[in-house]
């Protein structure tokens, strides 16, 4: 199996290269359960946080541990998670849809109405593990605009493919896309 070696701080991982379409493969980066890597990334992203913000917000699920670590390290001990389905405990949830590069179907993103009320007129930093097409971030921004909050920053561990050219997101490292043979694809 082809792999891509990734180093974040003092953490090294060999990521398996997995096909996701007829001509493209990705280095599969799974943050869930990798607490040491999440913490190392949060320590590096801490310096990229805006000076003034009220809440960290992430989209379920792989960014949750990162948002948790960043919240504790930055002394902002409350973060908000945008969920991928409506839960029975939610009050007046806000919802939108998104298509992701790593999912073969449309997903729903949901913000609990109670969280929406807390975020109203606040300064928000969006946090994610990997930004690729930016679809999840756009959908999250769409939901957050309904709360009248102000997005003051966007952070990710990795920017995949052409996302590494974006200037609106702070990230630690670029992550290439691959051909099916494991060779790095040129950025289009």
N, C-alpha and C. Protein backbone atom coordinates (compact mmCIF):
# COMPACT_ATOMS: atom_id res chain seq x y z
N UNK A 1 0.84 -1.18 0.00
CA UNK A 1 0.00 0.00 0.00
C UNK A 1 0.89 1.24 0.00
N UNK A 2 0.53 2.20 -0.86
CA UNK A 2 1.24 3.47 -0.88
C UNK A 2 0.84 4.30 0.33
N UNK A 3 1.81 5.01 0.89
CA UNK A 3 1.54 5.89 2.03
C UNK A 3 2.22 7.23 1.80
N UNK A 4 1.78 8.22 2.56
CA UNK A 4 2.37 9.55 2.55
C UNK A 4 2.73 9.88 3.99
N UNK A 5 3.99 10.24 4.21
CA UNK A 5 4.41 10.56 5.57
C UNK A 5 4.11 12.01 5.89
N UNK A 6 3.42 12.20 7.00
CA UNK A 6 3.02 13.52 7.47
C UNK A 6 3.63 13.74 8.85
N UNK A 7 4.21 14.93 9.06
CA UNK A 7 4.73 15.29 10.36
C UNK A 7 4.04 16.57 10.81
N UNK A 8 3.45 16.52 11.99
CA UNK A 8 2.83 17.68 12.63
C UNK A 8 3.48 17.80 14.00
N UNK A 9 4.27 18.85 14.20
CA UNK A 9 5.01 18.99 15.45
C UNK A 9 5.91 17.80 15.64
N UNK A 10 5.80 17.13 16.78
CA UNK A 10 6.64 15.96 17.05
C UNK A 10 5.96 14.65 16.67
N UNK A 11 4.85 14.72 15.97
CA UNK A 11 4.08 13.54 15.59
C UNK A 11 4.26 13.20 14.11
N UNK A 12 4.62 11.94 13.82
CA UNK A 12 4.77 11.47 12.44
C UNK A 12 3.75 10.37 12.19
N UNK A 13 3.11 10.44 11.04
CA UNK A 13 2.13 9.42 10.65
C UNK A 13 2.35 9.05 9.20
N UNK A 14 2.17 7.76 8.89
CA UNK A 14 2.15 7.28 7.52
C UNK A 14 0.69 7.13 7.13
N UNK A 15 0.22 8.02 6.26
CA UNK A 15 -1.18 8.04 5.85
C UNK A 15 -1.38 7.15 4.62
N UNK A 16 -2.32 6.23 4.66
CA UNK A 16 -2.58 5.40 3.48
C UNK A 16 -3.18 6.25 2.36
N UNK A 17 -2.74 5.99 1.16
CA UNK A 17 -3.28 6.69 -0.02
C UNK A 17 -4.46 5.87 -0.54
N UNK A 18 -5.64 6.51 -0.52
CA UNK A 18 -6.90 5.84 -0.81
C UNK A 18 -7.58 6.47 -2.02
N UNK A 19 -7.96 5.68 -3.03
CA UNK A 19 -8.69 6.25 -4.17
C UNK A 19 -10.06 6.78 -3.74
N UNK A 20 -10.44 7.95 -4.28
CA UNK A 20 -11.78 8.50 -4.00
C UNK A 20 -12.56 8.76 -5.28
N UNK A 21 -11.90 8.63 -6.43
CA UNK A 21 -12.59 8.77 -7.72
C UNK A 21 -11.80 7.99 -8.75
N UNK A 22 -12.21 8.08 -10.02
CA UNK A 22 -11.54 7.30 -11.07
C UNK A 22 -10.13 7.80 -11.38
N UNK A 23 -9.79 9.00 -10.91
CA UNK A 23 -8.44 9.51 -11.21
C UNK A 23 -7.75 10.20 -10.04
N UNK A 24 -8.34 10.16 -8.85
CA UNK A 24 -7.77 10.87 -7.71
C UNK A 24 -7.78 10.01 -6.46
N UNK A 25 -6.70 10.15 -5.71
CA UNK A 25 -6.59 9.49 -4.40
C UNK A 25 -6.20 10.54 -3.38
N UNK A 26 -6.50 10.26 -2.11
CA UNK A 26 -6.13 11.16 -1.02
C UNK A 26 -5.29 10.41 0.01
N UNK A 27 -4.50 11.16 0.75
CA UNK A 27 -3.83 10.60 1.91
C UNK A 27 -4.85 10.66 3.03
N UNK A 28 -5.28 9.51 3.49
CA UNK A 28 -6.37 9.43 4.46
C UNK A 28 -5.91 9.89 5.84
N UNK A 29 -6.38 11.07 6.22
CA UNK A 29 -6.02 11.68 7.49
C UNK A 29 -7.22 11.58 8.42
N UNK A 30 -7.09 10.75 9.46
CA UNK A 30 -8.18 10.56 10.41
C UNK A 30 -7.71 11.00 11.78
N UNK A 31 -8.24 12.12 12.24
CA UNK A 31 -7.83 12.69 13.52
C UNK A 31 -8.52 12.02 14.70
N UNK A 32 -9.72 11.49 14.48
CA UNK A 32 -10.47 10.86 15.57
C UNK A 32 -9.66 9.75 16.22
N UNK A 33 -9.50 9.83 17.52
CA UNK A 33 -8.78 8.81 18.25
C UNK A 33 -7.27 9.01 18.30
N UNK A 34 -6.78 9.99 17.56
CA UNK A 34 -5.33 10.27 17.57
C UNK A 34 -5.09 11.51 18.43
N UNK A 35 -5.23 11.33 19.74
CA UNK A 35 -5.18 12.45 20.68
C UNK A 35 -3.83 13.16 20.67
N UNK A 36 -2.73 12.42 20.51
CA UNK A 36 -1.41 13.05 20.51
C UNK A 36 -1.26 13.97 19.30
N UNK A 37 -1.75 13.54 18.14
CA UNK A 37 -1.66 14.37 16.95
C UNK A 37 -2.59 15.58 17.05
N UNK A 38 -3.78 15.38 17.58
CA UNK A 38 -4.70 16.49 17.77
C UNK A 38 -4.09 17.55 18.68
N UNK A 39 -3.50 17.13 19.77
CA UNK A 39 -2.90 18.07 20.73
C UNK A 39 -1.70 18.79 20.11
N UNK A 40 -0.86 18.06 19.38
CA UNK A 40 0.29 18.68 18.72
C UNK A 40 -0.17 19.73 17.71
N UNK A 41 -1.22 19.42 16.96
CA UNK A 41 -1.75 20.37 15.98
C UNK A 41 -2.34 21.58 16.68
N UNK A 42 -3.08 21.35 17.75
CA UNK A 42 -3.69 22.47 18.49
C UNK A 42 -2.61 23.42 19.02
N UNK A 43 -1.52 22.87 19.52
CA UNK A 43 -0.43 23.72 20.01
C UNK A 43 0.13 24.59 18.89
N UNK A 44 0.25 24.04 17.68
CA UNK A 44 0.76 24.82 16.55
C UNK A 44 -0.27 25.84 16.05
N UNK A 45 -1.54 25.49 16.08
CA UNK A 45 -2.58 26.41 15.62
C UNK A 45 -2.87 27.52 16.62
N UNK A 46 -2.50 27.32 17.85
CA UNK A 46 -2.74 28.32 18.89
C UNK A 46 -2.19 29.69 18.49
N UNK A 47 -1.02 29.70 17.89
CA UNK A 47 -0.40 30.95 17.46
C UNK A 47 -1.14 31.60 16.29
N UNK A 48 -1.96 30.84 15.59
CA UNK A 48 -2.70 31.35 14.43
C UNK A 48 -4.10 31.84 14.79
N UNK A 49 -4.51 31.64 16.03
CA UNK A 49 -5.82 32.12 16.46
C UNK A 49 -5.86 33.64 16.45
N UNK A 50 -6.99 34.21 16.06
CA UNK A 50 -7.14 35.67 16.19
C UNK A 50 -7.01 36.06 17.67
N UNK A 51 -6.60 37.27 17.91
CA UNK A 51 -6.42 37.74 19.29
C UNK A 51 -7.74 37.79 20.05
N UNK A 52 -8.80 38.17 19.39
CA UNK A 52 -10.10 38.32 20.04
C UNK A 52 -11.13 37.42 19.35
N UNK A 53 -11.69 36.50 20.12
CA UNK A 53 -12.79 35.68 19.63
C UNK A 53 -13.57 35.18 20.84
N UNK A 54 -14.79 34.75 20.59
CA UNK A 54 -15.65 34.28 21.66
C UNK A 54 -15.85 32.77 21.67
N UNK A 55 -15.98 32.16 20.49
CA UNK A 55 -16.24 30.72 20.41
C UNK A 55 -15.46 30.09 19.28
N UNK A 56 -15.07 28.85 19.49
CA UNK A 56 -14.58 27.98 18.43
C UNK A 56 -15.75 27.14 17.97
N UNK A 57 -15.89 26.98 16.67
CA UNK A 57 -16.98 26.17 16.11
C UNK A 57 -16.36 25.18 15.14
N UNK A 58 -16.80 23.93 15.19
CA UNK A 58 -16.34 22.91 14.26
C UNK A 58 -17.53 22.11 13.75
N UNK A 59 -17.28 21.39 12.66
CA UNK A 59 -18.30 20.52 12.08
C UNK A 59 -18.00 19.09 12.51
N UNK A 60 -19.03 18.39 12.94
CA UNK A 60 -18.92 17.00 13.33
C UNK A 60 -18.27 16.21 12.19
N UNK A 61 -17.34 15.37 12.37
CA UNK A 61 -16.90 14.88 13.64
C UNK A 61 -15.39 14.97 13.81
N UNK A 62 -14.63 14.96 12.71
CA UNK A 62 -13.18 14.85 12.88
C UNK A 62 -12.54 16.09 13.47
N UNK A 63 -13.19 17.24 13.44
CA UNK A 63 -12.61 18.44 14.04
C UNK A 63 -12.91 18.61 15.52
N UNK A 64 -13.72 17.72 16.09
CA UNK A 64 -14.14 17.89 17.48
C UNK A 64 -12.95 17.85 18.45
N UNK A 65 -12.08 16.87 18.31
CA UNK A 65 -10.95 16.78 19.25
C UNK A 65 -10.03 17.99 19.09
N UNK A 66 -9.85 18.46 17.87
CA UNK A 66 -9.02 19.64 17.65
C UNK A 66 -9.63 20.88 18.30
N UNK A 67 -10.94 21.08 18.12
CA UNK A 67 -11.61 22.23 18.74
C UNK A 67 -11.52 22.13 20.26
N UNK A 68 -11.67 20.94 20.79
CA UNK A 68 -11.56 20.72 22.24
C UNK A 68 -10.17 21.13 22.73
N UNK A 69 -9.14 20.62 22.08
CA UNK A 69 -7.77 20.95 22.50
C UNK A 69 -7.49 22.44 22.37
N UNK A 70 -7.92 23.04 21.26
CA UNK A 70 -7.72 24.49 21.07
C UNK A 70 -8.47 25.30 22.12
N UNK A 71 -9.68 24.86 22.46
CA UNK A 71 -10.47 25.58 23.47
C UNK A 71 -9.74 25.57 24.81
N UNK A 72 -9.22 24.43 25.21
CA UNK A 72 -8.52 24.35 26.49
C UNK A 72 -7.20 25.14 26.46
N UNK A 73 -6.43 25.00 25.39
CA UNK A 73 -5.15 25.69 25.29
C UNK A 73 -5.31 27.21 25.22
N UNK A 74 -6.42 27.68 24.66
CA UNK A 74 -6.62 29.12 24.50
C UNK A 74 -7.45 29.73 25.63
N UNK A 75 -7.81 28.92 26.61
CA UNK A 75 -8.64 29.39 27.73
C UNK A 75 -10.02 29.87 27.28
N UNK A 76 -10.55 29.24 26.24
CA UNK A 76 -11.93 29.44 25.78
C UNK A 76 -12.62 28.09 25.93
N UNK A 77 -13.00 27.73 27.15
CA UNK A 77 -13.38 26.35 27.42
C UNK A 77 -14.72 25.89 26.87
N UNK A 78 -15.34 26.66 25.99
CA UNK A 78 -16.59 26.20 25.38
C UNK A 78 -16.49 26.32 23.88
N UNK A 79 -16.77 25.22 23.21
CA UNK A 79 -16.81 25.24 21.76
C UNK A 79 -18.19 24.74 21.32
N UNK A 80 -18.51 24.95 20.07
CA UNK A 80 -19.80 24.54 19.52
C UNK A 80 -19.55 23.59 18.37
N UNK A 81 -20.34 22.52 18.33
CA UNK A 81 -20.22 21.53 17.27
C UNK A 81 -21.46 21.60 16.39
N UNK A 82 -21.24 21.82 15.10
CA UNK A 82 -22.32 21.71 14.11
C UNK A 82 -22.46 20.23 13.81
N UNK A 83 -23.66 19.70 14.02
CA UNK A 83 -23.91 18.27 13.89
C UNK A 83 -24.29 17.90 12.46
N UNK A 84 -24.35 16.59 12.18
CA UNK A 84 -24.70 16.12 10.84
C UNK A 84 -26.10 15.51 10.78
N UNK A 85 -26.85 15.70 11.85
CA UNK A 85 -28.25 15.29 11.84
C UNK A 85 -28.96 16.01 12.97
N UNK A 86 -30.27 16.09 12.85
CA UNK A 86 -31.08 16.69 13.90
C UNK A 86 -31.19 15.69 15.04
N UNK A 87 -30.97 16.17 16.26
CA UNK A 87 -31.07 15.33 17.46
C UNK A 87 -32.34 15.72 18.22
N UNK A 88 -32.90 14.78 18.96
CA UNK A 88 -34.17 15.03 19.65
C UNK A 88 -34.07 16.13 20.70
N UNK A 89 -32.90 16.38 21.23
CA UNK A 89 -32.75 17.42 22.26
C UNK A 89 -32.65 18.83 21.68
N UNK A 90 -32.53 18.95 20.38
CA UNK A 90 -32.33 20.25 19.76
C UNK A 90 -33.60 21.08 19.78
N UNK A 91 -33.41 22.37 20.03
CA UNK A 91 -34.52 23.31 20.01
C UNK A 91 -34.37 24.21 18.78
N UNK A 92 -35.36 24.25 17.92
CA UNK A 92 -35.36 25.09 16.72
C UNK A 92 -34.04 25.01 15.95
N UNK A 93 -33.67 23.80 15.51
CA UNK A 93 -32.39 23.67 14.81
C UNK A 93 -32.39 24.38 13.45
N UNK A 94 -31.20 24.88 13.08
CA UNK A 94 -30.96 25.47 11.77
C UNK A 94 -30.23 24.42 10.94
N UNK A 95 -30.56 24.28 9.67
CA UNK A 95 -29.95 23.23 8.86
C UNK A 95 -29.60 23.72 7.47
N UNK A 96 -28.61 23.07 6.87
CA UNK A 96 -28.23 23.28 5.48
C UNK A 96 -27.62 21.98 4.98
N UNK A 97 -27.34 21.90 3.68
CA UNK A 97 -26.75 20.68 3.11
C UNK A 97 -25.38 20.98 2.52
N UNK A 98 -24.59 19.90 2.36
CA UNK A 98 -23.24 20.03 1.81
C UNK A 98 -22.86 18.71 1.13
N UNK A 99 -22.04 18.82 0.09
CA UNK A 99 -21.40 17.66 -0.54
C UNK A 99 -19.92 17.75 -0.23
N UNK A 100 -19.36 16.67 0.29
CA UNK A 100 -17.96 16.63 0.69
C UNK A 100 -17.18 15.72 -0.24
N UNK A 101 -15.89 16.00 -0.41
CA UNK A 101 -15.04 15.17 -1.25
C UNK A 101 -14.91 13.74 -0.71
N UNK A 102 -15.06 13.56 0.60
CA UNK A 102 -14.88 12.24 1.19
C UNK A 102 -16.19 11.51 1.48
N UNK A 103 -17.30 12.07 1.02
CA UNK A 103 -18.60 11.44 1.24
C UNK A 103 -19.31 11.33 -0.11
N UNK A 104 -19.93 10.19 -0.36
CA UNK A 104 -20.55 9.98 -1.67
C UNK A 104 -22.01 10.43 -1.75
N UNK A 105 -22.49 11.13 -0.73
CA UNK A 105 -23.87 11.60 -0.76
C UNK A 105 -23.96 12.96 -0.06
N UNK A 106 -25.06 13.64 -0.32
CA UNK A 106 -25.29 14.93 0.32
C UNK A 106 -25.46 14.74 1.83
N UNK A 107 -24.84 15.64 2.60
CA UNK A 107 -24.98 15.59 4.06
C UNK A 107 -25.74 16.80 4.54
N UNK A 108 -26.37 16.65 5.69
CA UNK A 108 -27.05 17.76 6.34
C UNK A 108 -26.18 18.26 7.48
N UNK A 109 -26.04 19.56 7.61
CA UNK A 109 -25.36 20.17 8.75
C UNK A 109 -26.42 20.88 9.58
N UNK A 110 -26.35 20.71 10.91
CA UNK A 110 -27.38 21.21 11.80
C UNK A 110 -26.75 21.95 12.98
N UNK A 111 -27.28 23.13 13.24
CA UNK A 111 -26.87 23.91 14.40
C UNK A 111 -28.06 23.98 15.35
N UNK A 112 -27.87 23.49 16.56
CA UNK A 112 -28.92 23.54 17.57
C UNK A 112 -29.32 24.99 17.80
N UNK A 113 -30.60 25.25 17.91
CA UNK A 113 -31.08 26.61 18.16
C UNK A 113 -30.52 27.22 19.43
N UNK A 114 -30.29 26.40 20.46
CA UNK A 114 -29.68 26.91 21.69
C UNK A 114 -28.26 27.41 21.42
N UNK A 115 -27.49 26.66 20.60
CA UNK A 115 -26.15 27.10 20.23
C UNK A 115 -26.22 28.35 19.35
N UNK A 116 -27.19 28.39 18.45
CA UNK A 116 -27.35 29.56 17.59
C UNK A 116 -27.58 30.81 18.44
N UNK A 117 -28.37 30.69 19.48
CA UNK A 117 -28.63 31.83 20.38
C UNK A 117 -27.35 32.26 21.10
N UNK A 118 -26.54 31.29 21.53
CA UNK A 118 -25.27 31.61 22.21
C UNK A 118 -24.30 32.31 21.27
N UNK A 119 -24.34 31.96 19.99
CA UNK A 119 -23.38 32.51 19.02
C UNK A 119 -23.81 33.87 18.47
N UNK A 120 -25.05 34.24 18.70
CA UNK A 120 -25.58 35.50 18.15
C UNK A 120 -24.67 36.67 18.52
N UNK A 121 -24.26 37.39 17.49
CA UNK A 121 -23.43 38.60 17.64
C UNK A 121 -22.07 38.34 18.28
N UNK A 122 -21.60 37.11 18.25
CA UNK A 122 -20.28 36.77 18.81
C UNK A 122 -19.24 36.65 17.71
N UNK A 123 -17.98 36.66 18.11
CA UNK A 123 -16.85 36.47 17.20
C UNK A 123 -16.49 34.98 17.20
N UNK A 124 -16.48 34.38 16.00
CA UNK A 124 -16.36 32.94 15.85
C UNK A 124 -15.09 32.60 15.08
N UNK A 125 -14.43 31.51 15.51
CA UNK A 125 -13.35 30.91 14.74
C UNK A 125 -13.81 29.52 14.32
N UNK A 126 -13.85 29.28 13.01
CA UNK A 126 -14.19 27.96 12.47
C UNK A 126 -12.95 27.09 12.48
N UNK A 127 -13.08 25.85 12.92
CA UNK A 127 -11.97 24.92 13.04
C UNK A 127 -12.32 23.63 12.31
N UNK A 128 -11.37 23.10 11.53
CA UNK A 128 -11.58 21.83 10.86
C UNK A 128 -10.25 21.09 10.77
N UNK A 129 -10.32 19.79 10.51
CA UNK A 129 -9.08 19.03 10.40
C UNK A 129 -8.43 19.24 9.04
N UNK A 130 -9.19 19.06 7.97
CA UNK A 130 -8.68 19.21 6.61
C UNK A 130 -9.65 20.05 5.80
N UNK A 131 -9.11 21.01 5.05
CA UNK A 131 -9.92 21.76 4.10
C UNK A 131 -9.49 21.29 2.71
N UNK A 132 -10.46 20.87 1.92
CA UNK A 132 -10.16 20.42 0.57
C UNK A 132 -10.89 21.30 -0.43
N UNK A 133 -12.15 21.01 -0.69
CA UNK A 133 -12.92 21.85 -1.60
C UNK A 133 -13.47 23.08 -0.90
N UNK A 134 -13.53 23.02 0.44
CA UNK A 134 -14.09 24.12 1.22
C UNK A 134 -15.60 24.04 1.37
N UNK A 135 -16.22 22.98 0.86
CA UNK A 135 -17.67 22.86 0.91
C UNK A 135 -18.23 22.83 2.32
N UNK A 136 -17.60 22.10 3.21
CA UNK A 136 -18.08 22.02 4.60
C UNK A 136 -17.97 23.38 5.29
N UNK A 137 -16.86 24.08 5.05
CA UNK A 137 -16.70 25.41 5.65
C UNK A 137 -17.74 26.39 5.11
N UNK A 138 -17.99 26.34 3.79
CA UNK A 138 -19.02 27.22 3.22
C UNK A 138 -20.38 26.94 3.82
N UNK A 139 -20.71 25.67 3.96
CA UNK A 139 -22.01 25.31 4.55
C UNK A 139 -22.08 25.76 6.01
N UNK A 140 -20.99 25.59 6.75
CA UNK A 140 -20.96 26.05 8.15
C UNK A 140 -21.12 27.56 8.21
N UNK A 141 -20.44 28.28 7.32
CA UNK A 141 -20.57 29.74 7.28
C UNK A 141 -22.01 30.15 6.98
N UNK A 142 -22.65 29.43 6.06
CA UNK A 142 -24.04 29.71 5.71
C UNK A 142 -24.93 29.58 6.96
N UNK A 143 -24.74 28.51 7.71
CA UNK A 143 -25.51 28.33 8.94
C UNK A 143 -25.21 29.44 9.95
N UNK A 144 -23.94 29.75 10.12
CA UNK A 144 -23.54 30.73 11.13
C UNK A 144 -24.03 32.14 10.79
N UNK A 145 -24.14 32.46 9.51
CA UNK A 145 -24.67 33.78 9.13
C UNK A 145 -26.08 33.99 9.67
N UNK A 146 -26.83 32.91 9.82
CA UNK A 146 -28.19 32.99 10.36
C UNK A 146 -28.19 33.43 11.82
N UNK A 147 -27.06 33.35 12.50
CA UNK A 147 -26.99 33.73 13.91
C UNK A 147 -26.50 35.16 14.10
N UNK A 148 -26.14 35.82 13.01
CA UNK A 148 -25.56 37.17 13.06
C UNK A 148 -24.23 37.21 13.79
N UNK A 149 -23.54 36.08 13.85
CA UNK A 149 -22.20 36.09 14.43
C UNK A 149 -21.22 36.62 13.38
N UNK A 150 -20.01 36.86 13.80
CA UNK A 150 -18.97 37.34 12.89
C UNK A 150 -17.83 36.32 12.88
N UNK A 151 -17.54 35.77 11.73
CA UNK A 151 -16.44 34.81 11.62
C UNK A 151 -15.15 35.62 11.51
N UNK A 152 -14.28 35.45 12.52
CA UNK A 152 -13.05 36.24 12.58
C UNK A 152 -11.82 35.41 12.23
N UNK A 153 -12.01 34.12 11.99
CA UNK A 153 -10.90 33.27 11.61
C UNK A 153 -11.36 31.89 11.20
N UNK A 154 -10.51 31.24 10.38
CA UNK A 154 -10.74 29.86 9.97
C UNK A 154 -9.41 29.14 10.09
N UNK A 155 -9.41 28.01 10.79
CA UNK A 155 -8.19 27.24 11.03
C UNK A 155 -8.38 25.79 10.61
N UNK A 156 -7.33 25.21 10.09
CA UNK A 156 -7.33 23.78 9.77
C UNK A 156 -5.92 23.24 9.98
N UNK A 157 -5.83 21.97 10.19
CA UNK A 157 -4.52 21.35 10.30
C UNK A 157 -3.89 21.29 8.91
N UNK A 158 -4.67 20.83 7.94
CA UNK A 158 -4.17 20.62 6.58
C UNK A 158 -5.05 21.30 5.54
N UNK A 159 -4.42 21.77 4.49
CA UNK A 159 -5.13 22.29 3.32
C UNK A 159 -4.76 21.38 2.15
N UNK A 160 -5.76 20.68 1.63
CA UNK A 160 -5.54 19.64 0.63
C UNK A 160 -5.66 20.19 -0.79
N UNK A 161 -4.70 19.81 -1.63
CA UNK A 161 -4.74 20.21 -3.03
C UNK A 161 -4.73 21.72 -3.19
N UNK A 162 -5.63 22.23 -4.04
CA UNK A 162 -5.69 23.66 -4.34
C UNK A 162 -6.07 24.51 -3.13
N UNK A 163 -6.62 23.91 -2.09
CA UNK A 163 -6.98 24.67 -0.88
C UNK A 163 -5.74 25.30 -0.24
N UNK A 164 -4.57 24.76 -0.52
CA UNK A 164 -3.34 25.32 0.05
C UNK A 164 -3.05 26.73 -0.49
N UNK A 165 -3.72 27.10 -1.57
CA UNK A 165 -3.55 28.46 -2.13
C UNK A 165 -4.47 29.48 -1.48
N UNK A 166 -5.40 29.01 -0.68
CA UNK A 166 -6.37 29.93 -0.07
C UNK A 166 -5.68 30.82 0.95
N UNK A 167 -6.11 32.06 0.99
CA UNK A 167 -5.54 33.01 1.95
C UNK A 167 -6.50 33.31 3.09
N UNK A 168 -7.72 32.78 3.02
CA UNK A 168 -8.70 33.05 4.07
C UNK A 168 -8.68 32.01 5.18
N UNK A 169 -7.82 31.01 5.06
CA UNK A 169 -7.73 29.95 6.06
C UNK A 169 -6.29 29.83 6.54
N UNK A 170 -6.11 29.78 7.85
CA UNK A 170 -4.80 29.52 8.44
C UNK A 170 -4.67 28.01 8.61
N UNK A 171 -3.55 27.43 8.17
CA UNK A 171 -3.36 25.99 8.31
C UNK A 171 -1.89 25.70 8.61
N UNK A 172 -1.63 24.48 9.05
CA UNK A 172 -0.27 24.10 9.40
C UNK A 172 0.52 23.66 8.18
N UNK A 173 -0.07 22.77 7.38
CA UNK A 173 0.66 22.21 6.23
C UNK A 173 -0.28 21.97 5.06
N UNK A 174 0.30 22.02 3.85
CA UNK A 174 -0.47 21.56 2.69
C UNK A 174 -0.45 20.03 2.65
N UNK A 175 -1.47 19.46 2.05
CA UNK A 175 -1.54 18.01 1.84
C UNK A 175 -1.85 17.78 0.36
N UNK A 176 -0.96 17.09 -0.34
CA UNK A 176 -1.20 16.91 -1.77
C UNK A 176 -2.32 15.92 -2.06
N UNK A 177 -2.87 16.04 -3.25
CA UNK A 177 -3.74 15.02 -3.81
C UNK A 177 -2.84 14.09 -4.61
N UNK A 178 -3.33 12.90 -4.94
CA UNK A 178 -2.51 11.90 -5.60
C UNK A 178 -3.21 11.31 -6.80
N UNK A 179 -2.40 10.82 -7.76
CA UNK A 179 -2.92 9.98 -8.84
C UNK A 179 -3.17 8.60 -8.24
N UNK A 180 -3.86 7.75 -8.96
CA UNK A 180 -4.17 6.43 -8.43
C UNK A 180 -2.93 5.57 -8.21
N UNK A 181 -1.83 5.90 -8.89
CA UNK A 181 -0.58 5.15 -8.69
C UNK A 181 0.22 5.64 -7.48
N UNK A 182 -0.33 6.65 -6.78
CA UNK A 182 0.35 7.18 -5.59
C UNK A 182 1.24 8.37 -5.85
N UNK A 183 1.39 8.75 -7.12
CA UNK A 183 2.21 9.93 -7.44
C UNK A 183 1.44 11.20 -7.09
N UNK A 184 2.14 12.20 -6.61
CA UNK A 184 1.50 13.47 -6.25
C UNK A 184 0.96 14.14 -7.51
N UNK A 185 -0.28 14.58 -7.45
CA UNK A 185 -0.91 15.30 -8.56
C UNK A 185 -0.46 16.74 -8.55
N UNK A 186 -0.21 17.31 -9.71
CA UNK A 186 0.07 18.75 -9.74
C UNK A 186 -1.18 19.53 -9.31
N UNK A 187 -0.98 20.63 -8.61
CA UNK A 187 -2.10 21.45 -8.17
C UNK A 187 -2.62 22.21 -9.38
N UNK A 188 -3.93 22.11 -9.59
CA UNK A 188 -4.55 22.79 -10.75
C UNK A 188 -4.90 24.21 -10.40
